[in-house]
N, C-alpha and C. Protein backbone atom coordinates (compact mmCIF):
# COMPACT_ATOMS: atom_id res chain seq x y z
N MET A 1 -17.36 -18.66 6.18
CA MET A 1 -16.48 -18.62 7.28
C MET A 1 -16.04 -17.17 7.51
N GLY A 2 -15.83 -16.73 8.49
CA GLY A 2 -15.28 -15.50 8.76
C GLY A 2 -13.94 -15.36 8.67
N SER A 3 -13.34 -14.15 8.81
CA SER A 3 -11.86 -14.03 8.55
C SER A 3 -11.12 -14.54 9.80
N ASN A 4 -11.73 -14.58 10.83
CA ASN A 4 -11.21 -14.93 12.25
C ASN A 4 -11.70 -16.21 12.78
N THR A 5 -12.19 -16.89 12.01
CA THR A 5 -12.87 -18.35 12.80
C THR A 5 -12.50 -19.38 11.57
N ILE A 6 -12.54 -20.73 12.26
CA ILE A 6 -12.01 -21.84 11.60
C ILE A 6 -13.64 -22.57 11.69
N SER A 7 -14.13 -23.02 10.51
CA SER A 7 -15.39 -23.55 10.39
C SER A 7 -15.30 -25.00 11.17
N ASN A 8 -16.38 -25.52 11.65
CA ASN A 8 -16.47 -26.82 12.52
C ASN A 8 -17.92 -27.19 12.64
N ASP A 9 -18.19 -28.47 12.31
CA ASP A 9 -19.37 -29.11 12.53
C ASP A 9 -19.91 -28.89 14.01
N GLU A 10 -18.85 -29.09 14.72
CA GLU A 10 -19.17 -29.10 16.33
C GLU A 10 -19.24 -27.65 16.92
N ALA A 11 -20.03 -27.45 18.00
CA ALA A 11 -19.92 -26.12 18.57
C ALA A 11 -18.26 -25.89 19.08
N PRO A 12 -18.08 -24.46 18.73
CA PRO A 12 -16.72 -24.24 19.07
C PRO A 12 -16.48 -24.25 20.63
N PRO A 13 -15.05 -24.23 20.91
CA PRO A 13 -15.02 -24.02 22.27
C PRO A 13 -15.59 -22.97 22.87
N THR A 14 -16.12 -22.84 24.09
CA THR A 14 -16.87 -21.84 25.02
C THR A 14 -15.73 -21.16 25.87
N GLU A 15 -14.49 -21.79 26.00
CA GLU A 15 -13.56 -21.21 27.03
C GLU A 15 -12.44 -20.71 26.01
N ALA A 16 -11.69 -19.77 26.58
CA ALA A 16 -10.59 -19.12 25.83
C ALA A 16 -9.27 -20.33 26.24
N LEU A 17 -8.34 -20.45 25.18
CA LEU A 17 -7.32 -21.23 25.47
C LEU A 17 -6.09 -20.39 25.82
N THR A 18 -5.41 -20.58 26.83
CA THR A 18 -4.08 -19.61 27.04
C THR A 18 -3.01 -20.61 27.53
N PHE A 19 -1.65 -20.56 26.63
CA PHE A 19 -0.80 -21.41 26.81
C PHE A 19 0.38 -20.55 26.61
N GLN A 20 1.56 -21.52 27.35
CA GLN A 20 2.88 -20.68 27.19
C GLN A 20 3.65 -21.48 25.87
N VAL A 21 4.11 -20.81 25.11
CA VAL A 21 4.90 -21.44 23.93
C VAL A 21 6.01 -21.98 24.31
N ILE A 22 6.56 -23.23 23.97
CA ILE A 22 7.77 -23.74 24.55
C ILE A 22 8.64 -24.20 23.34
N GLU A 23 7.98 -24.59 22.12
CA GLU A 23 8.73 -24.71 20.90
C GLU A 23 7.99 -24.10 19.49
N LEU A 24 8.56 -24.17 18.71
CA LEU A 24 7.68 -23.42 17.41
C LEU A 24 8.47 -24.17 16.29
N GLU A 25 7.59 -24.88 15.42
CA GLU A 25 8.30 -25.41 14.01
C GLU A 25 7.26 -25.19 13.02
N SER A 26 7.58 -25.42 11.78
CA SER A 26 6.95 -24.98 10.73
C SER A 26 6.65 -26.34 9.84
N SER A 27 5.46 -26.60 9.02
CA SER A 27 5.28 -27.59 8.25
C SER A 27 4.72 -27.24 7.09
N VAL A 28 4.46 -28.06 6.16
CA VAL A 28 3.57 -27.71 4.79
C VAL A 28 2.30 -28.31 4.96
N GLY A 29 1.16 -27.56 4.70
CA GLY A 29 -0.28 -28.03 4.85
C GLY A 29 -0.94 -27.68 3.46
N THR A 30 -2.15 -27.78 3.58
CA THR A 30 -2.86 -27.27 2.44
C THR A 30 -3.88 -26.34 2.70
N PHE A 31 -4.73 -25.71 1.88
CA PHE A 31 -5.64 -24.73 1.95
C PHE A 31 -6.88 -25.44 2.05
N ASP A 32 -7.92 -25.11 2.79
CA ASP A 32 -9.20 -25.81 2.83
C ASP A 32 -9.90 -25.15 1.56
N TYR A 33 -9.79 -24.22 0.67
CA TYR A 33 -10.30 -23.75 -0.39
C TYR A 33 -9.61 -24.34 -1.67
N ALA A 34 -8.62 -24.88 -1.44
CA ALA A 34 -7.63 -25.23 -2.83
C ALA A 34 -6.88 -26.37 -2.09
N PRO A 35 -7.49 -27.51 -2.17
CA PRO A 35 -6.51 -28.90 -1.27
C PRO A 35 -5.16 -29.03 -2.15
N ASN A 36 -5.01 -28.72 -3.52
CA ASN A 36 -4.01 -29.26 -4.03
C ASN A 36 -2.88 -27.97 -3.93
N ALA A 37 -3.22 -26.95 -3.22
CA ALA A 37 -2.12 -26.02 -3.19
C ALA A 37 -1.33 -26.04 -1.67
N LYS A 38 -0.18 -26.06 -1.82
CA LYS A 38 0.65 -25.91 -0.62
C LYS A 38 0.95 -24.81 0.23
N CYS A 39 0.71 -24.80 1.67
CA CYS A 39 1.19 -23.50 2.28
C CYS A 39 1.82 -24.05 3.75
N SER A 40 2.35 -23.08 4.14
CA SER A 40 3.12 -23.12 5.25
C SER A 40 2.10 -23.40 6.55
N VAL A 41 2.46 -24.05 7.56
CA VAL A 41 1.50 -24.07 8.78
C VAL A 41 2.63 -23.94 10.08
N ILE A 42 2.45 -22.96 10.87
CA ILE A 42 3.27 -22.84 12.16
C ILE A 42 2.58 -23.84 13.13
N GLU A 43 3.51 -24.44 13.68
CA GLU A 43 3.00 -25.19 14.82
C GLU A 43 3.62 -24.81 16.16
N LEU A 44 2.56 -24.26 17.24
CA LEU A 44 3.16 -23.96 18.39
C LEU A 44 2.89 -25.11 19.64
N PHE A 45 4.03 -25.24 20.21
CA PHE A 45 4.01 -26.27 21.27
C PHE A 45 4.02 -25.84 22.65
N GLY A 46 3.27 -26.06 23.66
CA GLY A 46 3.35 -25.41 24.81
C GLY A 46 2.38 -26.08 25.88
N ARG A 47 2.31 -25.36 26.82
CA ARG A 47 1.49 -25.62 28.08
C ARG A 47 0.69 -24.62 28.68
N THR A 48 -0.32 -25.19 29.16
CA THR A 48 -1.37 -24.26 29.94
C THR A 48 -0.78 -24.19 31.36
N ASP A 49 -1.58 -23.10 32.12
CA ASP A 49 -1.37 -23.13 33.71
C ASP A 49 -1.59 -24.14 34.30
N ASP A 50 -2.64 -25.29 33.64
CA ASP A 50 -2.89 -26.44 34.39
C ASP A 50 -1.86 -27.60 33.95
N ASN A 51 -1.08 -27.40 33.16
CA ASN A 51 0.08 -28.32 32.71
C ASN A 51 -0.68 -29.25 31.68
N ILE A 52 -1.52 -28.62 30.92
CA ILE A 52 -1.88 -29.57 29.90
C ILE A 52 -0.92 -29.12 28.63
N SER A 53 -0.60 -30.33 27.96
CA SER A 53 0.43 -30.08 26.71
C SER A 53 -0.78 -29.81 25.48
N VAL A 54 0.04 -28.84 24.86
CA VAL A 54 -0.88 -28.35 23.76
C VAL A 54 -0.01 -27.94 22.44
N LEU A 55 -0.63 -28.59 21.57
CA LEU A 55 -0.12 -28.23 19.95
C LEU A 55 -1.15 -27.29 19.16
N VAL A 56 -0.73 -26.27 18.68
CA VAL A 56 -1.58 -25.40 18.17
C VAL A 56 -1.04 -25.17 16.53
N HIS A 57 -1.89 -25.43 15.82
CA HIS A 57 -1.60 -25.50 14.26
C HIS A 57 -2.06 -24.09 13.72
N VAL A 58 -1.10 -23.15 13.42
CA VAL A 58 -1.48 -21.69 12.91
C VAL A 58 -1.45 -21.69 11.37
N HIS A 59 -2.82 -21.31 10.96
CA HIS A 59 -2.86 -20.95 9.45
C HIS A 59 -2.95 -19.83 8.97
N CYS A 60 -2.78 -19.56 7.74
CA CYS A 60 -2.63 -18.28 7.03
C CYS A 60 -1.73 -17.45 7.43
N SER A 61 -0.45 -17.96 7.57
CA SER A 61 0.84 -16.92 7.92
C SER A 61 1.71 -17.10 6.81
N PHE A 62 1.59 -16.33 5.85
CA PHE A 62 2.21 -16.41 4.49
C PHE A 62 3.47 -15.83 4.45
N PRO A 63 4.58 -16.74 3.87
CA PRO A 63 5.95 -16.06 3.63
C PRO A 63 5.74 -14.89 2.72
N TYR A 64 6.79 -14.08 2.72
CA TYR A 64 6.80 -12.79 1.94
C TYR A 64 8.21 -12.41 1.33
N PHE A 65 8.52 -12.20 0.35
CA PHE A 65 9.75 -11.85 -0.27
C PHE A 65 9.78 -10.96 -1.51
N TYR A 66 10.54 -10.08 -1.47
CA TYR A 66 10.58 -8.95 -2.26
C TYR A 66 11.76 -9.09 -3.13
N ALA A 67 11.96 -9.13 -4.56
CA ALA A 67 12.79 -9.13 -5.39
C ALA A 67 12.56 -8.23 -6.56
N GLU A 68 13.28 -7.46 -6.91
CA GLU A 68 13.26 -6.51 -8.01
C GLU A 68 13.71 -7.10 -9.29
N ILE A 69 12.47 -7.41 -10.02
CA ILE A 69 12.90 -8.12 -11.31
C ILE A 69 13.44 -7.07 -12.79
N CYS A 70 14.28 -7.51 -13.17
CA CYS A 70 14.90 -6.65 -14.29
C CYS A 70 13.98 -6.81 -15.49
N SER A 71 13.94 -5.70 -16.30
CA SER A 71 12.90 -5.80 -17.28
C SER A 71 13.37 -6.84 -18.48
N ARG A 72 12.43 -7.24 -19.16
CA ARG A 72 12.78 -8.46 -20.35
C ARG A 72 13.89 -7.75 -21.25
N ASN A 73 14.17 -6.46 -21.38
CA ASN A 73 15.06 -6.15 -22.25
C ASN A 73 16.52 -6.37 -21.43
N GLU A 74 16.57 -6.52 -20.26
CA GLU A 74 17.71 -6.55 -19.77
C GLU A 74 18.27 -8.10 -19.79
N LEU A 75 17.21 -8.98 -19.63
CA LEU A 75 17.21 -10.52 -19.61
C LEU A 75 16.76 -11.10 -20.89
N SER A 76 17.33 -12.36 -20.95
CA SER A 76 16.86 -12.83 -22.12
C SER A 76 15.69 -13.70 -21.71
N THR A 77 14.75 -13.87 -22.66
CA THR A 77 13.55 -14.67 -22.17
C THR A 77 14.01 -16.08 -21.67
N LYS A 78 14.75 -16.81 -22.05
CA LYS A 78 15.06 -17.95 -21.76
C LYS A 78 15.64 -18.04 -20.26
N PHE A 79 16.43 -17.08 -20.07
CA PHE A 79 17.02 -16.92 -18.61
C PHE A 79 15.94 -16.46 -17.75
N ALA A 80 14.98 -15.54 -17.83
CA ALA A 80 13.98 -15.12 -17.06
C ALA A 80 13.01 -16.13 -16.79
N GLU A 81 12.85 -17.15 -17.65
CA GLU A 81 11.89 -18.21 -17.36
C GLU A 81 12.41 -19.35 -16.64
N ASP A 82 13.76 -19.78 -16.90
CA ASP A 82 14.45 -20.48 -15.83
C ASP A 82 14.49 -20.21 -14.56
N VAL A 83 14.91 -18.79 -14.33
CA VAL A 83 14.95 -18.13 -12.87
C VAL A 83 13.55 -18.23 -12.18
N LYS A 84 12.52 -17.97 -13.01
CA LYS A 84 11.12 -18.00 -12.42
C LYS A 84 10.86 -19.50 -12.01
N ALA A 85 11.28 -20.45 -12.79
CA ALA A 85 10.76 -21.68 -12.37
C ALA A 85 11.68 -22.31 -11.29
N LYS A 86 13.09 -21.84 -10.93
CA LYS A 86 13.49 -22.35 -9.95
C LYS A 86 13.46 -21.46 -8.70
N ILE A 87 12.77 -20.38 -8.66
CA ILE A 87 13.06 -19.41 -7.44
C ILE A 87 12.27 -19.90 -6.26
N HIS A 88 11.02 -20.68 -6.48
CA HIS A 88 10.32 -21.12 -5.40
C HIS A 88 11.17 -22.35 -4.68
N GLU A 89 11.87 -23.22 -5.60
CA GLU A 89 12.51 -24.23 -4.78
C GLU A 89 13.80 -23.66 -4.02
N LYS A 90 14.39 -22.47 -4.52
CA LYS A 90 15.55 -22.11 -3.77
C LYS A 90 14.94 -21.11 -2.18
N LEU A 91 13.90 -20.48 -2.49
CA LEU A 91 13.33 -19.73 -1.33
C LEU A 91 12.84 -20.92 -0.08
N GLU A 92 12.37 -22.00 -0.49
CA GLU A 92 11.87 -22.78 0.55
C GLU A 92 13.33 -23.34 1.12
N THR A 93 14.37 -23.30 0.63
CA THR A 93 15.61 -23.76 1.07
C THR A 93 16.54 -22.63 1.92
N LEU A 94 16.30 -21.52 1.49
CA LEU A 94 16.99 -20.42 2.15
C LEU A 94 16.38 -19.73 3.21
N PHE A 95 15.00 -19.77 3.21
CA PHE A 95 14.28 -18.99 4.43
C PHE A 95 13.27 -19.45 4.83
N SER A 96 13.54 -19.64 6.29
CA SER A 96 12.41 -20.38 7.08
C SER A 96 11.36 -19.28 7.47
N ILE A 97 10.12 -19.95 7.34
CA ILE A 97 8.89 -18.88 7.95
C ILE A 97 8.67 -18.65 9.11
N LYS A 98 9.43 -19.58 10.03
CA LYS A 98 9.42 -19.37 11.46
C LYS A 98 9.73 -17.95 12.01
N TYR A 99 10.92 -17.48 11.39
CA TYR A 99 11.43 -16.17 12.08
C TYR A 99 10.51 -14.95 11.70
N PRO A 100 10.19 -15.06 10.36
CA PRO A 100 9.28 -13.79 10.05
C PRO A 100 7.89 -13.76 10.91
N PHE A 101 7.40 -15.01 11.22
CA PHE A 101 6.10 -15.00 12.02
C PHE A 101 6.47 -14.69 13.39
N MET A 102 7.49 -15.03 13.67
CA MET A 102 7.89 -14.61 15.25
C MET A 102 7.76 -13.10 15.38
N VAL A 103 8.62 -12.50 14.31
CA VAL A 103 8.64 -10.99 14.36
C VAL A 103 7.55 -10.30 14.21
N ASP A 104 6.79 -10.84 12.94
CA ASP A 104 5.56 -10.07 12.82
C ASP A 104 4.64 -10.21 13.78
N ASN A 105 4.60 -11.31 14.49
CA ASN A 105 3.41 -11.44 15.66
C ASN A 105 3.86 -11.21 17.11
N GLY A 106 5.28 -10.87 17.21
CA GLY A 106 5.61 -10.43 18.63
C GLY A 106 5.85 -11.76 19.35
N VAL A 107 5.90 -12.88 18.65
CA VAL A 107 6.18 -14.26 19.46
C VAL A 107 7.78 -14.37 19.98
N CYS A 108 7.86 -14.88 21.09
CA CYS A 108 9.38 -14.99 21.57
C CYS A 108 9.15 -16.32 22.43
N GLY A 109 10.34 -16.99 22.84
CA GLY A 109 10.16 -18.03 23.63
C GLY A 109 9.63 -17.88 24.88
N CYS A 110 8.69 -18.65 25.47
CA CYS A 110 8.36 -18.62 26.71
C CYS A 110 7.08 -17.77 26.97
N CYS A 111 6.58 -16.95 25.58
CA CYS A 111 5.83 -15.89 25.83
C CYS A 111 4.27 -16.82 25.82
N TRP A 112 3.48 -16.11 26.42
CA TRP A 112 1.93 -16.51 26.48
C TRP A 112 1.22 -16.03 25.44
N ILE A 113 0.29 -16.97 24.81
CA ILE A 113 -0.62 -16.69 23.74
C ILE A 113 -2.13 -16.99 24.09
N GLN A 114 -3.18 -16.34 23.94
CA GLN A 114 -4.51 -17.01 23.91
C GLN A 114 -5.23 -16.72 22.98
N LEU A 115 -6.25 -17.62 22.85
CA LEU A 115 -7.05 -18.07 21.64
C LEU A 115 -8.48 -17.66 22.21
N LYS A 116 -9.13 -16.63 21.62
CA LYS A 116 -10.58 -16.46 22.01
C LYS A 116 -11.40 -17.63 21.84
N PRO A 117 -12.33 -17.92 22.70
CA PRO A 117 -13.45 -19.01 22.38
C PRO A 117 -13.93 -18.65 20.89
N GLY A 118 -14.30 -19.65 20.20
CA GLY A 118 -14.72 -19.44 18.65
C GLY A 118 -13.84 -19.18 17.67
N SER A 119 -12.65 -18.94 17.99
CA SER A 119 -11.42 -18.55 17.04
C SER A 119 -10.52 -19.83 16.48
N PHE A 120 -10.87 -20.81 17.51
CA PHE A 120 -10.13 -21.99 17.04
C PHE A 120 -10.97 -23.22 17.08
N ARG A 121 -10.49 -24.40 16.46
CA ARG A 121 -11.23 -25.47 16.76
C ARG A 121 -10.11 -26.85 17.12
N THR A 122 -10.86 -27.86 17.98
CA THR A 122 -9.95 -28.72 18.28
C THR A 122 -9.90 -29.85 17.61
N ARG A 123 -9.00 -30.48 17.18
CA ARG A 123 -8.71 -31.46 16.25
C ARG A 123 -9.35 -32.80 16.82
N ARG A 124 -10.37 -33.24 16.02
CA ARG A 124 -10.94 -34.52 16.14
C ARG A 124 -10.65 -35.47 15.15
N GLU A 125 -11.62 -36.04 14.48
CA GLU A 125 -11.42 -37.04 13.41
C GLU A 125 -11.11 -36.17 11.98
N GLU A 126 -12.05 -35.30 11.72
CA GLU A 126 -11.79 -34.65 10.61
C GLU A 126 -10.55 -34.19 10.16
N TRP A 127 -9.93 -33.70 11.18
CA TRP A 127 -8.41 -33.12 11.04
C TRP A 127 -7.68 -33.91 11.94
N LYS A 128 -7.07 -34.91 11.19
CA LYS A 128 -6.24 -36.08 12.33
C LYS A 128 -5.22 -35.26 13.28
N ARG A 129 -5.09 -35.71 14.37
CA ARG A 129 -4.22 -35.33 15.36
C ARG A 129 -2.68 -35.94 14.86
N VAL A 130 -1.67 -35.21 15.12
CA VAL A 130 -0.53 -35.68 14.65
C VAL A 130 0.50 -35.56 15.73
N SER A 131 0.16 -35.47 17.00
CA SER A 131 1.15 -35.37 18.05
C SER A 131 0.43 -36.25 19.30
N THR A 132 1.44 -36.20 20.53
CA THR A 132 0.86 -36.88 21.53
C THR A 132 0.35 -35.90 22.69
N CYS A 133 0.19 -34.59 22.40
CA CYS A 133 -0.13 -33.54 23.12
C CYS A 133 -1.60 -33.94 23.59
N GLN A 134 -2.00 -33.36 24.64
CA GLN A 134 -3.22 -33.57 25.31
C GLN A 134 -4.26 -32.93 24.57
N LEU A 135 -3.95 -31.67 24.00
CA LEU A 135 -5.03 -30.71 23.28
C LEU A 135 -4.29 -30.42 22.00
N GLU A 136 -4.82 -30.68 20.97
CA GLU A 136 -4.41 -30.04 19.63
C GLU A 136 -5.57 -29.35 19.05
N CYS A 137 -5.12 -28.11 18.18
CA CYS A 137 -6.10 -27.31 17.84
C CYS A 137 -5.60 -26.40 16.56
N ASP A 138 -6.55 -26.18 15.70
CA ASP A 138 -6.03 -25.10 14.57
C ASP A 138 -6.85 -23.81 14.86
N VAL A 139 -5.88 -22.86 14.42
CA VAL A 139 -6.23 -21.33 14.33
C VAL A 139 -5.59 -20.51 13.42
N ILE A 140 -6.48 -19.54 13.06
CA ILE A 140 -6.11 -18.66 11.99
C ILE A 140 -4.97 -17.36 12.60
N VAL A 141 -3.92 -17.31 12.00
CA VAL A 141 -3.07 -16.36 12.65
C VAL A 141 -3.43 -15.05 13.18
N SER A 142 -4.35 -14.58 12.47
CA SER A 142 -5.09 -13.13 12.85
C SER A 142 -5.87 -13.19 14.38
N SER A 143 -5.93 -14.39 14.72
CA SER A 143 -6.76 -14.83 15.90
C SER A 143 -6.02 -14.81 17.16
N LEU A 144 -4.75 -14.99 16.89
CA LEU A 144 -3.65 -14.94 18.05
C LEU A 144 -3.53 -13.67 18.87
N ILE A 145 -3.64 -13.76 20.21
CA ILE A 145 -3.34 -12.80 21.20
C ILE A 145 -2.22 -12.99 21.85
N VAL A 146 -0.95 -12.53 21.45
CA VAL A 146 0.21 -12.88 22.11
C VAL A 146 0.40 -11.67 23.19
N TYR A 147 0.94 -12.20 24.41
CA TYR A 147 1.40 -11.24 25.48
C TYR A 147 2.71 -11.20 25.70
N SER A 148 3.25 -10.10 25.73
CA SER A 148 4.72 -9.87 26.16
C SER A 148 5.03 -10.52 27.35
N LEU A 149 6.37 -10.68 27.50
CA LEU A 149 6.84 -11.27 28.72
C LEU A 149 7.03 -10.33 29.86
N GLU A 150 6.86 -8.95 29.74
CA GLU A 150 6.94 -8.01 30.84
C GLU A 150 5.82 -8.01 31.55
């Protein structure tokens, strides 16, 4: 699998998909390579020029966080282990991946996004649809082409 494609047994779409973002949500999904590992998935809801409703599941957009860790001499081992065990739980509740995703990728309300042919796959039976949108597909974040509103 290439870095900008999602594998599929079917032939990939031969036309680009361009849509206007109306809503953005995030959910928790899994990696193809590690089904037990949880990861964030960005969900972009929108409409095409032809008024087709679209849900695009964006994969491989990872949250980032930097916190300086004190040396073990400064903290007791028990305290450090306790903090390490709880940090993931707290980060999930304090930070939303939606906003860093929007800033990092230049996504804003009502912007237009294009997915090139072959960079996405439509959901069929292998990856079940989760919406009532007319078109539902999956793409890797690095494949998004975001157009500014100007």
